[in-house]
Structure formats: structure tokens, C-alpha cells
Amino acid sequence: MAYNKKEEFTAQEIRVAEIGKALSHPARVAIINLLLKRQACICGDIVEELPLSQSTVSQHLKELKNAGLIKGEIDGPRVCYCIDPKVWAEARKYFGIFFESDLTTKSC
């Protein structure tokens, strides 16, 4: 049985990994880009923009929602998705810190 050592990492490291995992598929990146451009979208609109089936898009939306990057509001029989601004700001902050690390003085 594998031992999970997740608790030995900082909350920030765990969160960066969770968000990174949610963004680890090109379809999810495309969905995020679409939502950033449109501010909000119905699932059917997203399906029309991507070369994927409705069920596949729904699975990708679920992954993004589980990570907190997007939220969905029920609008009758449809769900309207948008970026969660608080979590988006958190992701930008964490990834900014992560990628701003200076490697110029380090060598292998």
C-alpha cells in the first residue's frame, strides 16, 4: 500500500499542484481561455467551441470546478460557468511566485 506524504508539503505547494493538475490538459486550458474572453458561458456554448463531445467537456468542467478555478450557476436546465475571481487571483499569485524564482545564479 502506498504511503501518502502530502502532509509533509506546505499548503502553498499542495495548492499549486492541485491547480497545475486541473490545468494539465489542453482542453481545460482552452476552456479557461474561453471563459476569460467571454466572462461566462453555458456548457453548450463551450461544446460548440471545442472539438469534444458534451460529456467530455462536462468532465473537464468538473475537474476545473473541483479545483475551484471555475464555478457554475444553474440557470433553468442549463449551467452557466465562469472563472472564480478569488481562486484565479490565488493561482496567479502562487504561480507567479513559483515562476519568478531566479535560476541565473544556480547551476547543475
N, C-alpha and C. Protein backbone atom coordinates (compact mmCIF):
# COMPACT_ATOMS: atom_id res chain seq x y z
N MET A 1 0.84 -1.19 0.00
CA MET A 1 0.00 0.00 0.00
C MET A 1 0.88 1.24 0.00
N ALA A 2 0.58 2.19 -0.85
CA ALA A 2 1.38 3.41 -0.96
C ALA A 2 1.10 4.33 0.22
N TYR A 3 2.14 5.00 0.66
CA TYR A 3 2.03 5.95 1.77
C TYR A 3 1.97 7.35 1.19
N ASN A 4 0.97 8.12 1.57
CA ASN A 4 0.80 9.46 1.08
C ASN A 4 1.51 10.44 2.01
N LYS A 5 2.49 11.14 1.50
CA LYS A 5 3.26 12.09 2.30
C LYS A 5 2.84 13.52 2.01
N LYS A 6 1.63 13.71 1.53
CA LYS A 6 1.15 15.03 1.15
C LYS A 6 1.24 16.02 2.32
N GLU A 7 1.02 15.54 3.53
CA GLU A 7 1.03 16.42 4.69
C GLU A 7 2.42 16.98 4.99
N GLU A 8 3.43 16.47 4.34
CA GLU A 8 4.79 16.95 4.57
C GLU A 8 5.16 18.13 3.68
N PHE A 9 4.22 18.58 2.85
CA PHE A 9 4.44 19.73 1.98
C PHE A 9 3.65 20.92 2.49
N THR A 10 4.06 22.11 2.08
CA THR A 10 3.35 23.31 2.51
C THR A 10 1.99 23.40 1.83
N ALA A 11 1.10 24.16 2.43
CA ALA A 11 -0.22 24.36 1.84
C ALA A 11 -0.09 24.99 0.46
N GLN A 12 0.86 25.89 0.29
CA GLN A 12 1.06 26.54 -1.00
C GLN A 12 1.54 25.53 -2.04
N GLU A 13 2.46 24.65 -1.69
CA GLU A 13 2.94 23.64 -2.64
C GLU A 13 1.81 22.70 -3.05
N ILE A 14 0.98 22.32 -2.10
CA ILE A 14 -0.15 21.44 -2.40
C ILE A 14 -1.14 22.15 -3.32
N ARG A 15 -1.42 23.42 -3.04
CA ARG A 15 -2.38 24.16 -3.85
C ARG A 15 -1.88 24.38 -5.27
N VAL A 16 -0.60 24.70 -5.43
CA VAL A 16 -0.02 24.87 -6.76
C VAL A 16 -0.15 23.57 -7.54
N ALA A 17 0.10 22.44 -6.88
CA ALA A 17 -0.02 21.14 -7.55
C ALA A 17 -1.46 20.85 -7.95
N GLU A 18 -2.42 21.18 -7.08
CA GLU A 18 -3.84 20.95 -7.40
C GLU A 18 -4.27 21.78 -8.61
N ILE A 19 -3.89 23.04 -8.62
CA ILE A 19 -4.26 23.90 -9.74
C ILE A 19 -3.53 23.46 -11.00
N GLY A 20 -2.25 23.12 -10.85
CA GLY A 20 -1.49 22.62 -12.00
C GLY A 20 -2.11 21.37 -12.60
N LYS A 21 -2.56 20.47 -11.74
CA LYS A 21 -3.21 19.24 -12.22
C LYS A 21 -4.49 19.58 -12.99
N ALA A 22 -5.25 20.53 -12.46
CA ALA A 22 -6.50 20.92 -13.13
C ALA A 22 -6.23 21.53 -14.50
N LEU A 23 -5.09 22.17 -14.65
CA LEU A 23 -4.74 22.81 -15.92
C LEU A 23 -3.86 21.93 -16.81
N SER A 24 -3.72 20.67 -16.46
CA SER A 24 -2.78 19.81 -17.16
C SER A 24 -3.30 19.18 -18.45
N HIS A 25 -4.46 19.58 -18.88
CA HIS A 25 -5.00 19.07 -20.14
C HIS A 25 -5.30 20.25 -21.06
N PRO A 26 -4.93 20.15 -22.34
CA PRO A 26 -5.16 21.28 -23.25
C PRO A 26 -6.62 21.69 -23.37
N ALA A 27 -7.54 20.75 -23.21
CA ALA A 27 -8.97 21.11 -23.28
C ALA A 27 -9.34 22.03 -22.12
N ARG A 28 -8.77 21.77 -20.95
CA ARG A 28 -9.07 22.61 -19.78
C ARG A 28 -8.47 24.00 -19.94
N VAL A 29 -7.29 24.05 -20.53
CA VAL A 29 -6.67 25.35 -20.81
C VAL A 29 -7.54 26.12 -21.81
N ALA A 30 -8.04 25.43 -22.82
CA ALA A 30 -8.92 26.06 -23.81
C ALA A 30 -10.21 26.56 -23.16
N ILE A 31 -10.76 25.79 -22.24
CA ILE A 31 -11.98 26.20 -21.53
C ILE A 31 -11.70 27.46 -20.71
N ILE A 32 -10.59 27.47 -19.99
CA ILE A 32 -10.23 28.65 -19.20
C ILE A 32 -10.07 29.86 -20.11
N ASN A 33 -9.36 29.70 -21.23
CA ASN A 33 -9.19 30.82 -22.17
C ASN A 33 -10.53 31.33 -22.68
N LEU A 34 -11.43 30.42 -22.98
CA LEU A 34 -12.76 30.80 -23.46
C LEU A 34 -13.52 31.58 -22.39
N LEU A 35 -13.48 31.09 -21.15
CA LEU A 35 -14.18 31.77 -20.07
C LEU A 35 -13.56 33.12 -19.75
N LEU A 36 -12.26 33.24 -19.89
CA LEU A 36 -11.61 34.54 -19.67
C LEU A 36 -12.05 35.56 -20.72
N LYS A 37 -12.24 35.10 -21.96
CA LYS A 37 -12.67 36.01 -23.03
C LYS A 37 -14.13 36.40 -22.90
N ARG A 38 -14.97 35.44 -22.52
CA ARG A 38 -16.43 35.67 -22.52
C ARG A 38 -16.99 36.04 -21.16
N GLN A 39 -16.24 35.92 -20.11
CA GLN A 39 -16.68 36.17 -18.74
C GLN A 39 -17.58 35.07 -18.19
N ALA A 40 -18.45 34.50 -18.99
CA ALA A 40 -19.33 33.40 -18.56
C ALA A 40 -19.79 32.64 -19.80
N CYS A 41 -20.14 31.38 -19.60
CA CYS A 41 -20.51 30.53 -20.73
C CYS A 41 -21.43 29.40 -20.27
N ILE A 42 -22.38 29.06 -21.12
CA ILE A 42 -23.21 27.88 -20.91
C ILE A 42 -22.42 26.68 -21.45
N CYS A 43 -22.56 25.53 -20.84
CA CYS A 43 -21.83 24.34 -21.26
C CYS A 43 -21.98 24.09 -22.77
N GLY A 44 -23.18 24.25 -23.30
CA GLY A 44 -23.41 24.03 -24.73
C GLY A 44 -22.58 24.96 -25.61
N ASP A 45 -22.37 26.19 -25.15
CA ASP A 45 -21.53 27.14 -25.90
C ASP A 45 -20.08 26.67 -25.93
N ILE A 46 -19.63 26.11 -24.82
CA ILE A 46 -18.26 25.60 -24.74
C ILE A 46 -18.11 24.41 -25.67
N VAL A 47 -19.11 23.54 -25.69
CA VAL A 47 -19.08 22.36 -26.56
C VAL A 47 -18.98 22.79 -28.02
N GLU A 48 -19.68 23.85 -28.40
CA GLU A 48 -19.63 24.34 -29.78
C GLU A 48 -18.24 24.84 -30.17
N GLU A 49 -17.47 25.32 -29.20
CA GLU A 49 -16.15 25.88 -29.48
C GLU A 49 -15.03 24.84 -29.50
N LEU A 50 -15.26 23.70 -28.87
CA LEU A 50 -14.20 22.69 -28.75
C LEU A 50 -14.52 21.45 -29.59
N PRO A 51 -13.49 20.77 -30.06
CA PRO A 51 -13.71 19.55 -30.85
C PRO A 51 -13.93 18.32 -29.96
N LEU A 52 -14.81 18.48 -28.96
CA LEU A 52 -15.06 17.41 -27.99
C LEU A 52 -16.55 17.22 -27.79
N SER A 53 -16.92 16.04 -27.35
CA SER A 53 -18.33 15.76 -27.08
C SER A 53 -18.78 16.48 -25.82
N GLN A 54 -20.08 16.60 -25.65
CA GLN A 54 -20.65 17.26 -24.48
C GLN A 54 -20.23 16.57 -23.20
N SER A 55 -20.22 15.24 -23.19
CA SER A 55 -19.85 14.51 -21.98
C SER A 55 -18.38 14.72 -21.61
N THR A 56 -17.52 14.82 -22.62
CA THR A 56 -16.10 15.06 -22.37
C THR A 56 -15.89 16.46 -21.82
N VAL A 57 -16.56 17.44 -22.41
CA VAL A 57 -16.46 18.82 -21.91
C VAL A 57 -16.96 18.88 -20.47
N SER A 58 -18.05 18.19 -20.18
CA SER A 58 -18.58 18.17 -18.82
C SER A 58 -17.57 17.62 -17.82
N GLN A 59 -16.84 16.58 -18.22
CA GLN A 59 -15.82 16.01 -17.34
C GLN A 59 -14.69 17.01 -17.08
N HIS A 60 -14.29 17.73 -18.12
CA HIS A 60 -13.24 18.74 -17.95
C HIS A 60 -13.74 19.89 -17.08
N LEU A 61 -14.98 20.29 -17.26
CA LEU A 61 -15.56 21.33 -16.41
C LEU A 61 -15.58 20.88 -14.95
N LYS A 62 -15.89 19.63 -14.74
CA LYS A 62 -15.92 19.08 -13.38
C LYS A 62 -14.54 19.17 -12.73
N GLU A 63 -13.49 18.85 -13.47
CA GLU A 63 -12.12 18.93 -12.93
C GLU A 63 -11.76 20.37 -12.57
N LEU A 64 -12.11 21.30 -13.44
CA LEU A 64 -11.82 22.71 -13.17
C LEU A 64 -12.62 23.22 -11.98
N LYS A 65 -13.85 22.75 -11.88
CA LYS A 65 -14.70 23.15 -10.76
C LYS A 65 -14.20 22.55 -9.45
N ASN A 66 -13.76 21.30 -9.47
CA ASN A 66 -13.22 20.65 -8.27
C ASN A 66 -11.99 21.38 -7.73
N ALA A 67 -11.20 21.95 -8.64
CA ALA A 67 -10.02 22.71 -8.23
C ALA A 67 -10.40 24.12 -7.79
N GLY A 68 -11.66 24.50 -8.02
CA GLY A 68 -12.13 25.81 -7.62
C GLY A 68 -11.87 26.91 -8.63
N LEU A 69 -11.27 26.57 -9.77
CA LEU A 69 -10.94 27.59 -10.76
C LEU A 69 -12.18 28.19 -11.42
N ILE A 70 -13.23 27.39 -11.54
CA ILE A 70 -14.48 27.89 -12.12
C ILE A 70 -15.62 27.58 -11.18
N LYS A 71 -16.70 28.29 -11.39
CA LYS A 71 -17.92 27.98 -10.66
C LYS A 71 -19.06 27.93 -11.66
N GLY A 72 -20.10 27.19 -11.31
CA GLY A 72 -21.23 27.04 -12.20
C GLY A 72 -22.52 27.37 -11.49
N GLU A 73 -23.33 28.18 -12.12
CA GLU A 73 -24.63 28.56 -11.57
C GLU A 73 -25.72 27.96 -12.44
N ILE A 74 -26.68 27.34 -11.79
CA ILE A 74 -27.78 26.72 -12.52
C ILE A 74 -28.71 27.82 -13.01
N ASP A 75 -29.01 27.79 -14.30
CA ASP A 75 -29.90 28.75 -14.95
C ASP A 75 -30.95 27.95 -15.70
N GLY A 76 -32.01 27.55 -14.97
CA GLY A 76 -33.02 26.67 -15.56
C GLY A 76 -32.41 25.31 -15.82
N PRO A 77 -32.53 24.80 -17.05
CA PRO A 77 -31.97 23.48 -17.36
C PRO A 77 -30.48 23.53 -17.72
N ARG A 78 -29.91 24.73 -17.69
CA ARG A 78 -28.51 24.89 -18.10
C ARG A 78 -27.64 25.31 -16.91
N VAL A 79 -26.34 25.14 -17.08
CA VAL A 79 -25.39 25.61 -16.08
C VAL A 79 -24.49 26.64 -16.76
N CYS A 80 -24.39 27.81 -16.14
CA CYS A 80 -23.57 28.89 -16.65
C CYS A 80 -22.25 28.90 -15.86
N TYR A 81 -21.14 28.75 -16.55
CA TYR A 81 -19.82 28.67 -15.91
C TYR A 81 -19.07 29.99 -16.04
N CYS A 82 -18.28 30.29 -15.02
CA CYS A 82 -17.41 31.46 -15.06
C CYS A 82 -16.17 31.20 -14.21
N ILE A 83 -15.15 32.00 -14.42
CA ILE A 83 -13.93 31.92 -13.61
C ILE A 83 -14.25 32.42 -12.21
N ASP A 84 -13.74 31.73 -11.19
CA ASP A 84 -13.87 32.22 -9.82
C ASP A 84 -12.75 33.23 -9.61
N PRO A 85 -13.07 34.52 -9.49
CA PRO A 85 -12.02 35.53 -9.44
C PRO A 85 -11.08 35.39 -8.24
N LYS A 86 -11.60 34.94 -7.12
CA LYS A 86 -10.76 34.78 -5.93
C LYS A 86 -9.72 33.68 -6.14
N VAL A 87 -10.16 32.55 -6.67
CA VAL A 87 -9.25 31.43 -6.91
C VAL A 87 -8.30 31.76 -8.05
N TRP A 88 -8.78 32.46 -9.07
CA TRP A 88 -7.92 32.86 -10.19
C TRP A 88 -6.79 33.75 -9.68
N ALA A 89 -7.12 34.69 -8.80
CA ALA A 89 -6.10 35.57 -8.22
C ALA A 89 -5.10 34.76 -7.39
N GLU A 90 -5.60 33.78 -6.65
CA GLU A 90 -4.75 32.91 -5.86
C GLU A 90 -3.79 32.14 -6.78
N ALA A 91 -4.31 31.59 -7.87
CA ALA A 91 -3.49 30.83 -8.81
C ALA A 91 -2.42 31.72 -9.43
N ARG A 92 -2.80 32.91 -9.83
CA ARG A 92 -1.84 33.85 -10.42
C ARG A 92 -0.74 34.19 -9.43
N LYS A 93 -1.11 34.40 -8.19
CA LYS A 93 -0.14 34.72 -7.14
C LYS A 93 0.82 33.55 -6.94
N TYR A 94 0.29 32.36 -6.72
CA TYR A 94 1.13 31.20 -6.45
C TYR A 94 2.03 30.85 -7.62
N PHE A 95 1.49 30.87 -8.84
CA PHE A 95 2.30 30.53 -9.99
C PHE A 95 3.31 31.64 -10.29
N GLY A 96 2.94 32.88 -10.00
CA GLY A 96 3.88 33.99 -10.15
C GLY A 96 5.08 33.80 -9.25
N ILE A 97 4.84 33.46 -7.99
CA ILE A 97 5.93 33.20 -7.04
C ILE A 97 6.77 32.03 -7.53
N PHE A 98 6.09 30.99 -7.98
CA PHE A 98 6.76 29.78 -8.43
C PHE A 98 7.67 30.06 -9.62
N PHE A 99 7.16 30.79 -10.63
CA PHE A 99 7.93 31.02 -11.85
C PHE A 99 8.88 32.21 -11.75
N GLU A 100 8.76 33.02 -10.73
CA GLU A 100 9.68 34.14 -10.56
C GLU A 100 10.97 33.74 -9.87
N SER A 101 11.10 32.50 -9.47
CA SER A 101 12.34 32.04 -8.84
C SER A 101 13.50 32.28 -9.80
N ASP A 102 14.56 32.82 -9.28
CA ASP A 102 15.73 33.20 -10.10
C ASP A 102 16.68 32.01 -10.24
N LEU A 103 16.88 31.58 -11.46
CA LEU A 103 17.80 30.47 -11.73
C LEU A 103 19.14 30.94 -12.26
N THR A 104 19.31 32.22 -12.43
CA THR A 104 20.54 32.72 -13.06
C THR A 104 21.78 32.43 -12.23
N THR A 105 21.65 32.30 -10.92
CA THR A 105 22.82 32.05 -10.07
C THR A 105 22.98 30.57 -9.75
N LYS A 106 22.10 29.75 -10.24
CA LYS A 106 22.16 28.34 -9.93
C LYS A 106 22.70 27.55 -11.12
N SER A 107 23.34 26.45 -10.84
CA SER A 107 23.82 25.59 -11.92
C SER A 107 23.65 24.13 -11.50
N CYS A 108 23.65 23.26 -12.48
CA CYS A 108 23.51 21.83 -12.21
C CYS A 108 24.84 21.20 -11.91
